[in-house]
Amino acid sequence: MKVLVIGSGGREHALVWRLAQSPRVSRMWCAPGNAGIAQERLSNGTPVETAAIGAENLDGLLAFAKEKQIDFTVVGPDNPLALGIVNLFQSHGLRIWGPNRRAAQFEASKVFSQQFMEKHGIPTARAGTFDDAGRARAFAESLGGRCAVKADGLALGKGVLMCGNTAEAARAIDEILVNKAFGTAGAKIVIQEFLEGMEVSLHALCDGKTAKLFPGSQDHKRALDGDRGLNTGGMGTYSPVPFLTDATLAEAERKIIAPWLRGCAAEGIDFRGILYPGLMLTKEGPKVLEFNARFGDPETQVYLMRLDSDLLELLLASAGGNLGGVEIRWKKEASVCVIMASEGYPGSSTKGKEIRGLEDAAKLPGVKVFHAGTALKDGKVVTNGGRVLGVTALGADLKSAQAAAYAAVERIQFEGAWFRRDIGAKAL
């Protein structure tokens, strides 16, 4: 099969790496890809190729898929899904994996998502949706200012502002609704009460009728150790999560995934792809913070290190609506991913810094360095974004996976590099 992967981050590098291991893949392209993706090879020895087409250039991607006679396209990021790339490809008779435009609303609109949860009895935080700053401030005040203020639309994982008091909440509301910090994504906001507990990432592979739960993982959203600093797209993750027990997973399946599936059926939403709810494990049980409609990043990196099934077969079954009889197999080992970021991230970050030590790090047993914001310049790998690398390791247990990931991080250098030193600490 000829396969096209869309995207350029660490998630897409992990998808390419795992799909390339399938004996059914004969050729593969990634658009636009990155420096690490361009170094991958298929099981038949053929190099993975990159194509300089942006993930939001839907017409360009369609033309490329037709020209190369692509058999199956895999969409990584949220934006092309929200723009309707699945609908476009399907209207031209092309097979593609990911939710269609209507199903992608679970991530593309926090207002839609919140209202869906309330309508279908899915446990979530008490919330209100607003387009008026005055009413929003009044609601935030009723929560004592302890709340999350969220832009309705997509904002590169940064459209959530956590507030501890009414002054912070008022500033956050003004920043999004009045000052338009996130542009049109912030035309409406959702304000959620602050939920107490441990946050985890849930992933479920869906085919429109069935949902298969993945093991748990835990992302680290805040920039600094001890969960301090600004929200980011994710500074590292690990799986499995020791405090996310089989009983809690079963409860999440019963109280969240099952009513979500029933709600989709009732509203005629055909969701084929990954549903990724961010969960808070509260005293009252698991509650949904928000839904995402694609693989998490950096969760994908640890999941695909642990996956023991052929990823291509799973995605084909998801897209084809026949996931029911498929078993997803997982390795018993644990995995840890540490993000190395550029100076300035999550604000504006520096680019073009040479990255050294990648080959040294890759020699360590159980280690895979996934590229995110990288590019090739004069034959050298350089930084090309905020989150640069996802240094990932597989180990017999979390402690050994963590040690291996940090040993690999220490071998890699670029000017201004920084990372959290406590990824996985909550589990240990």
Protein backbone atom coordinates (compact mmCIF):
# COMPACT_ATOMS: atom_id res chain seq x y z
CA MET A 1 0.00 0.00 0.00
CA LYS A 2 1.03 3.60 -0.65
CA VAL A 3 0.49 5.62 2.53
CA LEU A 4 0.45 9.39 3.12
CA VAL A 5 0.80 10.83 6.64
CA ILE A 6 -0.18 14.48 7.14
CA GLY A 7 1.65 16.65 9.70
CA SER A 8 5.11 17.65 10.85
CA GLY A 9 5.35 17.08 14.61
CA GLY A 10 6.49 14.44 17.07
CA ARG A 11 3.11 12.72 16.85
CA GLU A 12 3.49 12.38 13.08
CA HIS A 13 7.08 11.11 13.39
CA ALA A 14 5.81 8.40 15.77
CA LEU A 15 2.96 7.52 13.37
CA VAL A 16 5.36 7.30 10.41
CA TRP A 17 7.88 5.20 12.39
CA ARG A 18 5.21 2.70 13.50
CA LEU A 19 3.37 2.54 10.15
CA ALA A 20 6.71 1.97 8.38
CA GLN A 21 7.04 -1.31 10.30
CA SER A 22 3.92 -2.77 8.63
CA PRO A 23 4.83 -5.28 5.90
CA ARG A 24 1.81 -4.01 3.88
CA VAL A 25 3.34 -0.54 3.34
CA SER A 26 5.29 -0.38 0.05
CA ARG A 27 5.84 3.41 -0.15
CA MET A 28 5.22 6.27 2.27
CA TRP A 29 5.17 10.04 2.16
CA CYS A 30 4.73 12.60 4.94
CA ALA A 31 3.54 16.15 4.22
CA PRO A 32 5.24 18.33 5.23
CA GLY A 33 7.27 16.08 7.57
CA ASN A 34 10.47 17.02 9.40
CA ALA A 35 14.17 16.12 9.51
CA GLY A 36 13.62 12.95 11.57
CA ILE A 37 10.75 11.66 9.43
CA ALA A 38 12.99 12.04 6.34
CA GLN A 39 15.45 9.56 7.92
CA GLU A 40 12.91 6.73 8.43
CA ARG A 41 12.80 3.60 6.26
CA LEU A 42 10.08 1.04 5.53
CA SER A 43 10.46 -2.64 6.41
CA ASN A 44 11.41 -3.22 2.72
CA GLY A 45 14.28 -0.72 3.04
CA THR A 46 12.60 2.04 0.98
CA PRO A 47 13.12 5.55 2.47
CA VAL A 48 10.12 7.53 3.69
CA GLU A 49 9.78 10.66 1.53
CA THR A 50 8.61 14.11 2.60
CA ALA A 51 6.54 16.54 0.52
CA ALA A 52 6.65 20.29 1.14
CA ILE A 53 2.86 20.71 1.41
CA GLY A 54 1.41 22.32 4.54
CA ALA A 55 -1.07 20.32 6.64
CA GLU A 56 -3.77 22.97 6.02
CA ASN A 57 -3.25 23.11 2.22
CA LEU A 58 -6.16 20.76 1.58
CA ASP A 59 -6.26 21.23 -2.20
CA GLY A 60 -2.49 20.67 -2.47
CA LEU A 61 -2.71 17.49 -0.38
CA LEU A 62 -5.62 16.18 -2.46
CA ALA A 63 -3.73 16.81 -5.71
CA PHE A 64 -0.64 15.07 -4.29
CA ALA A 65 -2.66 12.04 -3.11
CA LYS A 66 -4.19 11.70 -6.59
CA GLU A 67 -0.87 12.15 -8.38
CA LYS A 68 0.89 9.49 -6.24
CA GLN A 69 -2.19 7.21 -6.24
CA ILE A 70 -2.18 7.05 -2.44
CA ASP A 71 -4.13 4.07 -1.05
CA PHE A 72 -4.55 5.36 2.51
CA THR A 73 -4.03 8.76 4.18
CA VAL A 74 -3.48 9.20 7.94
CA VAL A 75 -4.18 12.67 9.41
CA GLY A 76 -2.14 13.68 12.48
CA PRO A 77 -3.05 17.28 13.51
CA ASP A 78 -6.38 18.83 14.50
CA ASN A 79 -6.57 21.76 12.03
CA PRO A 80 -6.94 19.79 8.76
CA LEU A 81 -9.60 17.63 10.44
CA ALA A 82 -11.54 20.73 11.54
CA LEU A 83 -11.22 22.14 7.99
CA GLY A 84 -12.83 18.98 6.57
CA ILE A 85 -9.95 17.13 4.90
CA VAL A 86 -11.69 13.79 5.53
CA ASN A 87 -14.88 14.96 3.78
CA LEU A 88 -12.80 16.31 0.86
CA PHE A 89 -10.76 13.12 0.33
CA GLN A 90 -13.83 10.88 0.69
CA SER A 91 -15.76 12.97 -1.86
CA HIS A 92 -12.97 12.09 -4.32
CA GLY A 93 -13.12 8.37 -3.49
CA LEU A 94 -9.92 8.34 -1.42
CA ARG A 95 -9.49 6.29 1.78
CA ILE A 96 -8.49 8.43 4.75
CA TRP A 97 -8.26 7.98 8.53
CA GLY A 98 -9.55 10.58 10.98
CA PRO A 99 -12.92 12.07 11.99
CA ASN A 100 -14.93 14.03 9.43
CA ARG A 101 -15.63 17.74 9.88
CA ARG A 102 -18.76 17.22 11.99
CA ALA A 103 -17.09 14.65 14.27
CA ALA A 104 -13.97 16.85 14.59
CA GLN A 105 -16.16 19.45 16.35
CA PHE A 106 -15.52 17.58 19.61
CA GLU A 107 -12.13 19.30 19.55
CA ALA A 108 -12.72 22.20 17.16
CA SER A 109 -15.48 23.69 19.37
CA LYS A 110 -15.29 23.53 23.16
CA VAL A 111 -18.82 24.99 23.27
CA PHE A 112 -20.18 22.11 21.13
CA SER A 113 -18.29 19.59 23.26
CA GLN A 114 -19.46 21.01 26.61
CA GLN A 115 -23.08 21.12 25.46
CA PHE A 116 -22.85 17.53 24.11
CA MET A 117 -21.55 16.27 27.47
CA GLU A 118 -24.30 18.05 29.41
CA LYS A 119 -26.99 16.75 27.03
CA HIS A 120 -25.82 13.12 27.16
CA GLY A 121 -25.00 12.86 30.87
CA ILE A 122 -21.22 12.60 30.54
CA PRO A 123 -19.54 13.64 33.83
CA THR A 124 -17.73 16.96 33.41
CA ALA A 125 -17.08 20.21 35.26
CA ARG A 126 -19.82 22.78 35.94
CA ALA A 127 -19.43 25.28 33.11
CA GLY A 128 -20.90 28.17 31.18
CA THR A 129 -20.39 29.37 27.58
CA PHE A 130 -20.15 33.08 26.80
CA ASP A 131 -19.54 35.65 24.07
CA ASP A 132 -20.11 38.59 26.45
CA ALA A 133 -17.26 39.56 28.81
CA GLY A 134 -19.54 40.99 31.51
CA ARG A 135 -21.65 37.84 31.87
CA ALA A 136 -18.47 35.73 31.71
CA ARG A 137 -16.91 37.70 34.58
CA ALA A 138 -20.07 37.29 36.67
CA PHE A 139 -20.01 33.50 36.17
CA ALA A 140 -16.28 33.31 37.01
CA GLU A 141 -17.01 35.31 40.17
CA SER A 142 -19.68 32.76 41.16
CA LEU A 143 -16.89 30.15 41.06
CA GLY A 144 -14.67 32.30 43.28
CA GLY A 145 -12.39 32.84 40.26
CA ARG A 146 -11.05 29.26 40.52
CA CYS A 147 -11.67 28.17 36.95
CA ALA A 148 -10.33 27.35 33.51
CA VAL A 149 -11.10 29.91 30.78
CA LYS A 150 -11.03 28.21 27.35
CA ALA A 151 -11.17 29.63 23.84
CA ASP A 152 -13.94 27.87 21.90
CA GLY A 153 -11.80 27.08 18.83
CA LEU A 154 -8.37 25.60 18.09
CA ALA A 155 -5.38 27.50 19.52
CA LEU A 156 -2.38 25.15 19.17
CA GLY A 157 -2.98 23.66 22.62
CA LYS A 158 -2.53 27.07 24.27
CA GLY A 159 -6.12 28.35 24.40
CA VAL A 160 -6.71 27.38 28.05
CA LEU A 161 -5.93 29.84 30.86
CA MET A 162 -5.95 28.49 34.44
CA CYS A 163 -7.14 30.99 37.06
CA GLY A 164 -6.85 30.94 40.86
CA ASN A 165 -8.85 34.06 41.77
CA THR A 166 -11.37 36.55 40.33
CA ALA A 167 -8.68 39.03 39.20
CA GLU A 168 -6.88 36.31 37.20
CA ALA A 169 -10.20 35.14 35.74
CA ALA A 170 -11.16 38.68 34.68
CA ARG A 171 -7.76 39.12 33.01
CA ALA A 172 -8.11 35.77 31.18
CA ILE A 173 -11.64 36.63 29.97
CA ASP A 174 -10.48 40.03 28.70
CA GLU A 175 -7.41 38.52 27.04
CA ILE A 176 -9.49 36.05 25.00
CA LEU A 177 -12.85 37.83 24.44
CA VAL A 178 -11.80 41.50 24.38
CA ASN A 179 -8.14 41.53 23.26
CA LYS A 180 -8.64 38.55 20.88
CA ALA A 181 -5.37 36.86 21.97
CA PHE A 182 -6.42 33.73 20.04
CA GLY A 183 -8.17 35.51 17.15
CA THR A 184 -11.45 34.04 15.94
CA ALA A 185 -10.85 30.90 18.07
CA GLY A 186 -11.77 33.10 21.04
CA ALA A 187 -15.04 34.56 19.69
CA LYS A 188 -16.74 32.42 22.37
CA ILE A 189 -15.34 30.98 25.58
CA VAL A 190 -16.14 28.13 27.95
CA ILE A 191 -15.53 28.73 31.66
CA GLN A 192 -15.21 25.54 33.72
CA GLU A 193 -15.08 25.18 37.48
CA PHE A 194 -11.68 24.06 38.75
CA LEU A 195 -11.71 20.29 39.28
CA GLU A 196 -9.50 18.80 42.01
CA GLY A 197 -7.68 15.53 41.38
CA MET A 198 -5.10 13.87 39.14
CA GLU A 199 -5.25 14.60 35.40
CA VAL A 200 -4.74 11.74 32.91
CA SER A 201 -5.06 11.22 29.15
CA LEU A 202 -7.49 8.63 27.83
CA HIS A 203 -7.42 7.45 24.21
CA ALA A 204 -10.02 5.35 22.42
CA LEU A 205 -9.82 4.11 18.82
CA CYS A 206 -13.29 4.41 17.23
CA ASP A 207 -14.96 3.15 14.05
CA GLY A 208 -18.36 4.87 14.26
CA LYS A 209 -19.93 2.12 16.39
CA THR A 210 -17.19 0.67 18.61
CA ALA A 211 -14.53 2.25 20.82
CA LYS A 212 -11.41 0.40 22.01
CA LEU A 213 -9.69 1.96 25.04
CA PHE A 214 -5.91 2.35 25.20
CA PRO A 215 -3.98 2.01 28.48
CA GLY A 216 -3.70 5.27 30.42
CA SER A 217 -1.01 7.92 29.98
CA GLN A 218 -0.25 11.17 31.76
CA ASP A 219 0.80 14.36 29.99
CA HIS A 220 2.66 17.26 31.66
CA LYS A 221 1.09 20.45 30.30
CA ARG A 222 2.80 23.10 32.43
CA ALA A 223 6.18 24.39 31.29
CA LEU A 224 8.10 24.00 34.55
CA ASP A 225 8.85 21.27 37.10
CA GLY A 226 6.18 20.74 39.73
CA ASP A 227 3.43 21.74 37.26
CA ARG A 228 4.28 25.44 37.40
CA GLY A 229 4.55 28.00 34.61
CA LEU A 230 2.56 28.49 31.42
CA ASN A 231 0.42 25.89 29.67
CA THR A 232 2.19 24.25 26.71
CA GLY A 233 1.32 21.68 24.09
CA GLY A 234 2.83 19.07 26.47
CA MET A 235 6.33 18.74 27.96
CA GLY A 236 6.41 14.97 28.36
CA THR A 237 4.36 11.90 29.16
CA TYR A 238 4.49 8.34 30.39
CA SER A 239 2.44 5.13 30.21
CA PRO A 240 1.09 3.12 31.96
CA VAL A 241 -0.30 5.22 34.82
CA PRO A 242 -0.12 3.21 38.09
CA PHE A 243 -2.95 5.10 39.82
CA LEU A 244 -5.29 4.68 36.80
CA THR A 245 -6.47 1.20 37.83
CA ASP A 246 -8.36 -1.32 35.70
CA ALA A 247 -11.44 -0.52 37.81
CA THR A 248 -11.13 3.23 37.07
CA LEU A 249 -10.62 2.52 33.34
CA ALA A 250 -13.75 0.33 33.37
CA GLU A 251 -15.65 3.14 35.14
CA ALA A 252 -14.46 5.64 32.49
CA GLU A 253 -15.60 3.27 29.74
CA ARG A 254 -19.02 2.87 31.38
CA LYS A 255 -19.66 6.51 32.38
CA ILE A 256 -17.86 8.39 29.59
CA ILE A 257 -17.20 6.32 26.46
CA ALA A 258 -20.53 4.39 26.44
CA PRO A 259 -22.78 7.50 26.77
CA TRP A 260 -20.54 9.33 24.28
CA LEU A 261 -21.11 6.53 21.73
CA ARG A 262 -24.86 6.58 22.42
CA GLY A 263 -24.88 10.38 22.03
CA CYS A 264 -23.05 10.14 18.70
CA ALA A 265 -25.57 7.56 17.45
CA ALA A 266 -28.50 9.73 18.59
CA GLU A 267 -27.10 12.80 16.82
CA GLY A 268 -25.94 10.99 13.67
CA ILE A 269 -22.24 11.68 14.28
CA ASP A 270 -20.05 9.07 12.56
CA PHE A 271 -16.78 9.31 14.50
CA ARG A 272 -13.94 7.27 12.99
CA GLY A 273 -10.56 8.06 14.47
CA ILE A 274 -9.10 8.66 17.93
CA LEU A 275 -11.19 10.19 20.69
CA TYR A 276 -8.85 11.62 23.33
CA PRO A 277 -10.62 12.87 26.45
CA GLY A 278 -8.52 14.67 29.05
CA LEU A 279 -9.79 13.29 32.37
CA MET A 280 -9.62 14.50 35.95
CA LEU A 281 -9.77 11.69 38.50
CA THR A 282 -11.92 13.38 41.16
CA LYS A 283 -13.36 12.07 44.45
CA GLU A 284 -16.67 11.60 42.59
CA GLY A 285 -14.96 9.56 39.83
CA PRO A 286 -13.48 10.42 36.43
CA LYS A 287 -14.73 13.65 34.79
CA VAL A 288 -13.98 14.97 31.30
CA LEU A 289 -12.02 18.24 31.09
CA GLU A 290 -12.23 18.36 27.30
CA PHE A 291 -12.33 16.16 24.20
CA ASN A 292 -9.70 15.99 21.46
CA ALA A 293 -10.34 14.36 18.11
CA ARG A 294 -6.83 13.09 17.30
CA PHE A 295 -3.85 11.41 18.95
CA GLY A 296 -2.25 13.39 21.77
CA ASP A 297 1.25 14.74 21.38
CA PRO A 298 3.41 13.55 23.21
CA GLU A 299 1.07 10.68 24.22
CA THR A 300 1.40 9.11 20.75
CA GLN A 301 5.14 8.67 21.28
CA VAL A 302 4.73 6.50 24.40
CA TYR A 303 1.69 4.61 23.07
CA LEU A 304 3.40 3.61 19.84
CA MET A 305 6.51 2.48 21.71
CA ARG A 306 4.22 0.14 23.70
CA LEU A 307 1.93 -0.97 20.87
CA ASP A 308 2.36 -4.63 19.90
CA SER A 309 -0.19 -4.68 17.04
CA ASP A 310 0.24 -3.55 13.42
CA LEU A 311 -0.81 0.13 13.48
CA LEU A 312 -1.81 0.13 9.81
CA GLU A 313 -4.29 -2.73 10.38
CA LEU A 314 -5.82 -0.88 13.36
CA LEU A 315 -6.28 2.38 11.44
CA LEU A 316 -7.72 0.56 8.41
CA ALA A 317 -10.25 -1.19 10.70
CA SER A 318 -11.13 2.15 12.35
CA ALA A 319 -11.65 3.90 8.99
CA GLY A 320 -13.52 0.90 7.55
CA GLY A 321 -15.98 0.57 10.43
CA ASN A 322 -14.90 -2.97 11.36
CA LEU A 323 -12.98 -2.56 14.61
CA GLY A 324 -15.39 -4.75 16.59
CA GLY A 325 -13.49 -8.05 16.21
CA VAL A 326 -10.00 -6.53 16.43
CA GLU A 327 -7.83 -6.97 19.53
CA ILE A 328 -5.24 -4.29 20.32
CA ARG A 329 -2.12 -5.85 21.87
CA TRP A 330 0.22 -3.93 24.20
CA LYS A 331 3.72 -4.62 25.50
CA LYS A 332 4.00 -4.95 29.29
CA GLU A 333 6.94 -2.52 29.35
CA ALA A 334 6.57 1.14 30.34
CA SER A 335 7.47 4.16 28.22
CA VAL A 336 8.52 7.74 29.05
CA CYS A 337 8.82 10.70 26.67
CA VAL A 338 10.70 13.89 27.59
CA ILE A 339 10.21 16.96 25.37
CA MET A 340 13.26 19.11 24.62
CA ALA A 341 12.10 22.64 23.79
CA SER A 342 13.60 25.77 22.25
CA GLU A 343 14.45 28.91 24.21
CA GLY A 344 11.34 31.10 24.48
CA TYR A 345 8.75 28.30 24.17
CA PRO A 346 5.73 28.42 24.71
CA GLY A 347 6.09 32.03 23.54
CA SER A 348 8.00 32.89 20.36
CA SER A 349 10.98 30.55 20.12
CA THR A 350 14.36 30.61 18.42
CA LYS A 351 15.01 28.58 15.25
CA GLY A 352 17.99 27.39 13.21
CA LYS A 353 20.14 26.11 16.11
CA GLU A 354 22.20 23.04 15.23
CA ILE A 355 21.25 19.89 17.18
CA ARG A 356 24.16 17.67 18.23
CA GLY A 357 24.27 14.21 19.83
CA LEU A 358 21.26 12.66 18.09
CA GLU A 359 23.21 9.60 16.91
CA ASP A 360 24.73 9.13 20.37
CA ALA A 361 21.30 9.21 22.01
CA ALA A 362 19.83 6.78 19.46
CA LYS A 363 22.49 4.17 20.35
CA LEU A 364 21.07 3.72 23.86
CA PRO A 365 18.96 0.53 24.21
CA GLY A 366 15.19 1.10 24.12
CA VAL A 367 15.52 4.75 23.05
CA LYS A 368 13.83 6.43 20.09
CA VAL A 369 14.21 10.17 19.47
CA PHE A 370 11.10 11.54 17.75
CA HIS A 371 11.58 14.84 15.90
CA ALA A 372 8.98 17.61 16.21
CA GLY A 373 10.28 21.12 15.39
CA THR A 374 13.31 20.17 13.29
CA ALA A 375 14.56 20.86 9.75
CA LEU A 376 17.58 20.04 7.59
CA LYS A 377 19.91 22.94 6.77
CA ASP A 378 23.16 22.39 4.84
CA GLY A 379 23.02 18.70 5.75
CA LYS A 380 22.65 19.42 9.48
CA VAL A 381 19.58 18.93 11.72
CA VAL A 382 18.50 22.29 13.21
CA THR A 383 15.70 23.53 15.45
CA ASN A 384 12.55 24.68 13.64
CA GLY A 385 9.89 25.17 16.32
CA GLY A 386 9.04 25.38 20.01
CA ARG A 387 8.90 21.69 20.88
CA VAL A 388 11.95 20.26 19.15
CA LEU A 389 12.37 16.60 20.15
CA GLY A 390 10.42 13.92 22.01
CA VAL A 391 13.14 11.76 23.58
CA THR A 392 11.33 8.49 24.28
CA ALA A 393 12.38 5.25 25.96
CA LEU A 394 10.88 1.81 26.62
CA GLY A 395 11.90 0.08 29.85
CA ALA A 396 10.98 -2.90 32.02
CA ASP A 397 9.20 -0.48 34.37
CA LEU A 398 8.59 3.27 34.65
CA LYS A 399 11.74 3.90 36.66
CA SER A 400 14.03 2.28 34.07
CA ALA A 401 12.16 3.93 31.15
CA GLN A 402 12.53 7.31 32.88
CA ALA A 403 16.26 6.74 33.51
CA ALA A 404 16.84 5.74 29.86
CA ALA A 405 14.91 8.75 28.50
CA TYR A 406 16.89 11.22 30.66
CA ALA A 407 20.20 9.48 29.83
CA ALA A 408 19.38 10.09 26.14
CA VAL A 409 18.38 13.72 26.80
CA GLU A 410 21.79 14.35 28.40
CA ARG A 411 23.52 13.28 25.15
CA ILE A 412 21.66 15.87 23.01
CA GLN A 413 22.62 19.56 22.85
CA PHE A 414 21.39 22.66 21.07
CA GLU A 415 21.64 26.31 22.06
CA GLY A 416 18.85 27.33 24.46
CA ALA A 417 17.58 23.75 24.96
CA TRP A 418 15.45 23.14 28.06
CA PHE A 419 13.22 20.38 29.41
CA ARG A 420 11.32 19.33 32.53
CA ARG A 421 13.25 17.06 34.89
CA ASP A 422 10.23 15.49 36.60
CA ILE A 423 8.42 13.57 33.83
CA GLY A 424 6.95 10.46 35.45
CA ALA A 425 7.67 11.66 39.01
CA LYS A 426 3.97 11.52 40.02
CA ALA A 427 3.91 7.81 39.25
CA LEU A 428 7.12 7.10 41.17
